[in-house]
Protein backbone atom coordinates (compact mmCIF):
# COMPACT_ATOMS: atom_id res chain seq x y z
CA UNK A 1 -13.60 42.90 110.75
CA UNK A 2 -13.80 39.35 109.44
CA UNK A 3 -12.28 36.48 111.33
CA UNK A 4 -9.22 35.39 109.33
CA UNK A 5 -7.30 32.13 109.38
CA UNK A 6 -3.84 31.22 108.06
CA UNK A 7 -3.85 28.46 105.48
CA UNK A 8 -1.19 27.05 103.16
CA UNK A 9 -1.90 26.32 99.53
CA UNK A 10 0.86 24.27 97.89
CA UNK A 11 3.31 25.40 100.56
CA UNK A 12 2.53 29.18 100.43
CA UNK A 13 0.89 30.93 103.39
CA UNK A 14 -2.30 32.96 102.94
CA UNK A 15 -4.65 34.76 105.37
CA UNK A 16 -8.25 34.15 104.29
CA UNK A 17 -11.72 34.67 105.84
CA UNK A 18 -12.54 31.76 108.18
CA UNK A 19 -16.04 31.18 106.72
CA UNK A 20 -14.83 30.26 103.19
CA UNK A 21 -14.58 26.80 101.71
CA UNK A 22 -11.14 25.64 100.49
CA UNK A 23 -12.17 26.33 96.95
CA UNK A 24 -13.38 29.90 97.54
CA UNK A 25 -10.40 30.57 99.79
CA UNK A 26 -8.04 29.58 96.97
CA UNK A 27 -9.88 32.05 94.69
CA UNK A 28 -9.74 34.70 97.44
CA UNK A 29 -5.96 34.11 97.57
CA UNK A 30 -5.68 34.78 93.86
CA UNK A 31 -5.75 31.34 92.29
CA UNK A 32 -7.73 30.94 89.07
CA UNK A 33 -9.35 27.52 89.14
CA UNK A 34 -9.63 25.97 85.65
CA UNK A 35 -9.35 22.27 86.49
CA UNK A 36 -10.56 20.36 89.55
CA UNK A 37 -13.44 22.66 90.21
CA UNK A 38 -16.32 20.81 88.49
CA UNK A 39 -19.84 21.41 89.70
CA UNK A 40 -18.90 23.30 92.90
CA UNK A 41 -21.76 21.61 94.79
CA UNK A 42 -20.24 18.30 95.99
CA UNK A 43 -21.67 16.03 93.31
CA UNK A 44 -18.89 15.46 90.80
CA UNK A 45 -15.87 14.85 93.09
CA UNK A 46 -13.48 16.79 90.80
CA UNK A 47 -12.19 18.90 93.69
CA UNK A 48 -10.93 15.97 95.80
CA UNK A 49 -8.32 17.38 98.12
CA UNK A 50 -5.95 16.23 100.83
CA UNK A 51 -5.10 18.36 103.84
CA UNK A 52 -3.56 18.32 107.26
CA UNK A 53 -3.65 20.67 110.15
CA UNK A 54 -0.38 22.04 111.48
CA UNK A 55 0.75 20.00 114.49
CA UNK A 56 -1.55 17.09 113.69
CA UNK A 57 0.14 14.04 112.12
CA UNK A 58 -2.82 12.88 110.03
CA UNK A 59 -3.80 13.41 106.38
CA UNK A 60 -7.47 13.97 105.67
CA UNK A 61 -9.40 13.85 102.41
CA UNK A 62 -12.30 16.12 101.44
CA UNK A 63 -14.02 17.98 98.67
CA UNK A 64 -12.67 21.53 98.40
CA UNK A 65 -16.08 22.92 97.47
CA UNK A 66 -17.63 21.65 100.72
CA UNK A 67 -14.93 21.87 103.35
CA UNK A 68 -14.42 25.04 105.41
CA UNK A 69 -10.89 26.29 105.94
CA UNK A 70 -9.27 25.89 109.34
CA UNK A 71 -6.37 27.65 111.05
CA UNK A 72 -3.06 26.05 110.07
CA UNK A 73 -4.57 24.00 107.18
CA UNK A 74 -2.08 22.71 104.59
CA UNK A 75 -3.87 21.92 101.33
CA UNK A 76 -2.87 19.95 98.21
CA UNK A 77 -4.93 18.61 95.31
CA UNK A 78 -5.08 14.98 94.44
CA UNK A 79 -3.73 14.60 90.87
CA UNK A 80 -5.50 12.59 88.23
CA UNK A 81 -8.73 12.05 90.09
CA UNK A 82 -10.61 9.89 89.33
CA UNK A 83 -7.75 7.57 88.60
CA UNK A 84 -6.92 6.36 85.11
CA UNK A 85 -9.47 4.01 83.60
CA UNK A 86 -8.32 0.40 83.61
CA UNK A 87 -8.69 -1.65 80.45
CA UNK A 88 -8.83 -5.39 80.30
CA UNK A 89 -8.72 -7.93 77.51
CA UNK A 90 -11.59 -10.34 78.15
CA UNK A 91 -9.81 -13.00 76.07
CA UNK A 92 -6.90 -12.94 78.56
CA UNK A 93 -9.14 -13.25 81.59
């Protein structure tokens, strides 16, 4: 029997195999990833994610395609990453 951990994706609890990355654990839990999944190899940064561990008062950032799930992990995606492109008028500068 596989070692399972309890994780929370967007506030909902799931039991997933402990050896999965956040991204593959989300798919295991039934999510269909259409956005924010990019290259799946840590190069593009599209899967930037924030998480915390239950009982630890600290937010951490990671790439969901590279980070292994942990017991009590609460996960949320970072919206609009990378941030909106800034435009400047060179005549005003």
